[in-house]
């Protein structure tokens, strides 16, 4: 699960940069505190948080899975 979380964190950070959004902007958009977004994106939140779906939706991203070795 750590590898999945790391991939999601990277994708979210890239998308934030593409959209010229800050973590605070994202927090406001999904209705959570900026510190919570920071904790998610730095891996301080250990489990997959419920906010992931809201974060992905806010950035127009979807989580896609594939077999290892297939990208």
Protein backbone atom coordinates (compact mmCIF):
# COMPACT_ATOMS: atom_id res chain seq x y z
CA UNK A 1 0.00 0.00 0.00
CA UNK A 2 2.93 2.35 0.63
CA UNK A 3 3.90 2.26 -3.05
CA UNK A 4 0.33 3.09 -4.06
CA UNK A 5 0.19 5.97 -1.61
CA UNK A 6 3.55 7.25 -2.86
CA UNK A 7 2.28 7.17 -6.45
CA UNK A 8 -0.87 9.01 -5.50
CA UNK A 9 1.10 11.63 -3.58
CA UNK A 10 3.39 12.18 -6.58
CA UNK A 11 0.46 12.45 -8.99
CA UNK A 12 -1.34 14.92 -6.73
CA UNK A 13 1.79 17.08 -6.35
CA UNK A 14 2.36 17.10 -10.11
CA UNK A 15 -1.28 17.99 -10.77
CA UNK A 16 -1.19 20.78 -8.18
CA UNK A 17 1.81 22.25 -9.99
CA UNK A 18 0.10 21.88 -13.38
CA UNK A 19 -2.94 23.74 -12.04
CA UNK A 20 -0.80 26.31 -10.21
CA UNK A 21 -2.65 25.39 -7.01
CA UNK A 22 -1.33 25.38 -3.47
CA UNK A 23 -2.06 22.76 -0.86
CA UNK A 24 -4.16 25.41 0.90
CA UNK A 25 -6.20 25.92 -2.30
CA UNK A 26 -6.76 22.18 -2.48
CA UNK A 27 -7.74 22.00 1.19
CA UNK A 28 -10.33 24.71 0.68
CA UNK A 29 -11.69 22.98 -2.42
CA UNK A 30 -12.19 19.64 -0.66
CA UNK A 31 -13.29 21.07 2.68
CA UNK A 32 -10.43 20.01 4.93
CA UNK A 33 -7.75 21.90 6.86
CA UNK A 34 -4.51 22.76 5.02
CA UNK A 35 -2.50 20.88 7.64
CA UNK A 36 -4.46 17.71 6.85
CA UNK A 37 -3.60 18.00 3.15
CA UNK A 38 0.04 18.53 4.11
CA UNK A 39 -0.04 15.47 6.38
CA UNK A 40 -1.52 13.39 3.56
CA UNK A 41 1.02 14.54 1.00
CA UNK A 42 3.98 13.98 3.30
CA UNK A 43 2.83 10.53 4.34
CA UNK A 44 2.12 11.42 7.97
CA UNK A 45 -1.37 9.98 7.60
CA UNK A 46 -0.63 6.26 7.72
CA UNK A 47 -3.71 4.74 6.14
CA UNK A 48 -5.41 5.70 2.91
CA UNK A 49 -7.60 8.58 4.07
CA UNK A 50 -11.21 9.06 3.02
CA UNK A 51 -10.22 12.45 1.64
CA UNK A 52 -8.25 10.83 -1.24
CA UNK A 53 -11.37 10.51 -3.38
CA UNK A 54 -12.28 14.16 -2.84
CA UNK A 55 -8.70 15.22 -3.58
CA UNK A 56 -8.55 13.18 -6.78
CA UNK A 57 -11.93 14.53 -7.91
CA UNK A 58 -10.91 18.12 -7.16
CA UNK A 59 -7.86 17.70 -9.41
CA UNK A 60 -9.71 15.80 -12.14
CA UNK A 61 -7.62 12.68 -11.50
CA UNK A 62 -8.64 9.06 -11.17
CA UNK A 63 -6.81 6.19 -9.56
CA UNK A 64 -6.04 3.54 -12.13
CA UNK A 65 -4.57 0.18 -11.30
CA UNK A 66 -2.73 -2.18 -13.57
CA UNK A 67 -0.75 -5.38 -13.29
CA UNK A 68 2.86 -4.98 -12.29
CA UNK A 69 5.03 -4.51 -15.32
CA UNK A 70 2.21 -2.96 -17.31
CA UNK A 71 2.00 0.78 -17.34
